[in-house]
Amino acid sequence: MDHDDNPLKHAPHTAAMVLADDWRHAYARELAAFPLPELRAHKYWPPVARADNVYGDRNLYCRCIPVGS
């Protein structure tokens, strides 16, 4: 598979991404939705894709109201 456009690089795929009319990837939607055959029966659809790619996934921050307020 292409180094820059593959299912692992763009994972996770949300239901909205897989069902959208516009699909710009070289791999099939079916592979994006179900990378393993076992997932057909027990699929978890993430509500969002990655947060700022790998950097955001590893460096999360909280935007909560301060406790002392």
C-alpha atoms as a PDB file:
ATOM      1  CA  MET A   1       0.000   0.000   0.000  1.00  0.00           C
ATOM      2  CA  ASP A   2       0.971   3.618  -0.450  1.00  0.00           C
ATOM      3  CA  HIS A   3       3.105   4.989   2.401  1.00  0.00           C
ATOM      4  CA  ASP A   4       1.069   8.219   2.694  1.00  0.00           C
ATOM      5  CA  ASP A   5      -2.447   6.997   1.804  1.00  0.00           C
ATOM      6  CA  ASN A   6      -3.281   3.805   3.658  1.00  0.00           C
ATOM      7  CA  PRO A   7      -5.929   2.685   6.173  1.00  0.00           C
ATOM      8  CA  LEU A   8      -3.530   2.689   9.117  1.00  0.00           C
ATOM      9  CA  LYS A   9      -2.260   6.216   8.449  1.00  0.00           C
ATOM     10  CA  HIS A  10      -5.812   7.626   8.340  1.00  0.00           C
ATOM     11  CA  ALA A  11      -7.307   5.493  11.135  1.00  0.00           C
ATOM     12  CA  PRO A  12      -9.688   5.667  12.806  1.00  0.00           C
ATOM     13  CA  HIS A  13     -12.349   6.064  10.138  1.00  0.00           C
ATOM     14  CA  THR A  14     -15.629   7.394  11.493  1.00  0.00           C
ATOM     15  CA  ALA A  15     -18.994   6.314  10.125  1.00  0.00           C
ATOM     16  CA  ALA A  16     -19.429   9.793   8.631  1.00  0.00           C
ATOM     17  CA  MET A  17     -16.114   9.486   6.768  1.00  0.00           C
ATOM     18  CA  VAL A  18     -16.947   6.049   5.345  1.00  0.00           C
ATOM     19  CA  LEU A  19     -20.482   7.029   4.333  1.00  0.00           C
ATOM     20  CA  ALA A  20     -19.614  10.384   2.769  1.00  0.00           C
ATOM     21  CA  ASP A  21     -20.100  10.825  -0.978  1.00  0.00           C
ATOM     22  CA  ASP A  22     -16.536  12.040  -1.432  1.00  0.00           C
ATOM     23  CA  TRP A  23     -13.889   9.299  -0.968  1.00  0.00           C
ATOM     24  CA  ARG A  24     -10.374  10.417  -1.927  1.00  0.00           C
ATOM     25  CA  HIS A  25      -8.337   7.424  -0.801  1.00  0.00           C
ATOM     26  CA  ALA A  26      -6.694   4.755  -2.952  1.00  0.00           C
ATOM     27  CA  TYR A  27      -7.973   1.957  -0.702  1.00  0.00           C
ATOM     28  CA  ALA A  28     -11.560   0.721  -0.554  1.00  0.00           C
ATOM     29  CA  ARG A  29     -14.141   2.064   1.900  1.00  0.00           C
ATOM     30  CA  GLU A  30     -14.807  -1.499   3.022  1.00  0.00           C
ATOM     31  CA  LEU A  31     -11.175  -1.872   4.105  1.00  0.00           C
ATOM     32  CA  ALA A  32     -11.396   1.423   5.998  1.00  0.00           C
ATOM     33  CA  ALA A  33     -14.587   0.391   7.788  1.00  0.00           C
ATOM     34  CA  PHE A  34     -13.682  -3.234   8.465  1.00  0.00           C
ATOM     35  CA  PRO A  35      -9.893  -3.763   8.445  1.00  0.00           C
ATOM     36  CA  LEU A  36     -10.406  -7.195  10.071  1.00  0.00           C
ATOM     37  CA  PRO A  37     -13.162  -9.702   9.220  1.00  0.00           C
ATOM     38  CA  GLU A  38     -14.055 -10.066  12.927  1.00  0.00           C
ATOM     39  CA  LEU A  39     -15.104  -6.409  13.069  1.00  0.00           C
ATOM     40  CA  ARG A  40     -18.168  -6.989  10.912  1.00  0.00           C
ATOM     41  CA  ALA A  41     -20.045  -8.426  13.895  1.00  0.00           C
ATOM     42  CA  HIS A  42     -18.591  -6.182  16.627  1.00  0.00           C
ATOM     43  CA  LYS A  43     -17.660  -2.820  15.122  1.00  0.00           C
ATOM     44  CA  TYR A  44     -17.040   0.233  17.298  1.00  0.00           C
ATOM     45  CA  TRP A  45     -17.526   3.448  15.351  1.00  0.00           C
ATOM     46  CA  PRO A  46     -15.375   6.217  16.845  1.00  0.00           C
ATOM     47  CA  PRO A  47     -17.235   9.528  17.168  1.00  0.00           C
ATOM     48  CA  VAL A  48     -14.254  11.517  15.837  1.00  0.00           C
ATOM     49  CA  ALA A  49     -11.076  10.864  13.904  1.00  0.00           C
ATOM     50  CA  ARG A  50      -7.620  11.649  15.241  1.00  0.00           C
ATOM     51  CA  ALA A  51      -6.997  14.836  17.182  1.00  0.00           C
ATOM     52  CA  ASP A  52      -4.293  16.739  15.263  1.00  0.00           C
ATOM     53  CA  ASN A  53      -2.847  13.498  13.906  1.00  0.00           C
ATOM     54  CA  VAL A  54      -0.241  11.746  16.076  1.00  0.00           C
ATOM     55  CA  TYR A  55       0.864  14.891  17.949  1.00  0.00           C
ATOM     56  CA  GLY A  56      -2.629  15.560  19.260  1.00  0.00           C
ATOM     57  CA  ASP A  57      -3.159  11.921  20.199  1.00  0.00           C
ATOM     58  CA  ARG A  58      -0.039  11.955  22.379  1.00  0.00           C
ATOM     59  CA  ASN A  59      -0.316  15.502  23.763  1.00  0.00           C
ATOM     60  CA  LEU A  60      -3.901  15.953  24.928  1.00  0.00           C
ATOM     61  CA  TYR A  61      -4.879  19.043  26.872  1.00  0.00           C
ATOM     62  CA  CYS A  62      -7.879  19.926  28.985  1.00  0.00           C
ATOM     63  CA  ARG A  63      -9.943  23.044  28.314  1.00  0.00           C
ATOM     64  CA  CYS A  64     -11.946  22.765  31.535  1.00  0.00           C
ATOM     65  CA  ILE A  65     -13.047  25.572  33.800  1.00  0.00           C
ATOM     66  CA  PRO A  66     -10.517  26.016  36.639  1.00  0.00           C
ATOM     67  CA  VAL A  67     -11.579  24.299  39.858  1.00  0.00           C
ATOM     68  CA  GLY A  68     -10.895  27.406  41.994  1.00  0.00           C
ATOM     69  CA  SER A  69     -13.475  29.566  40.143  1.00  0.00           C
END
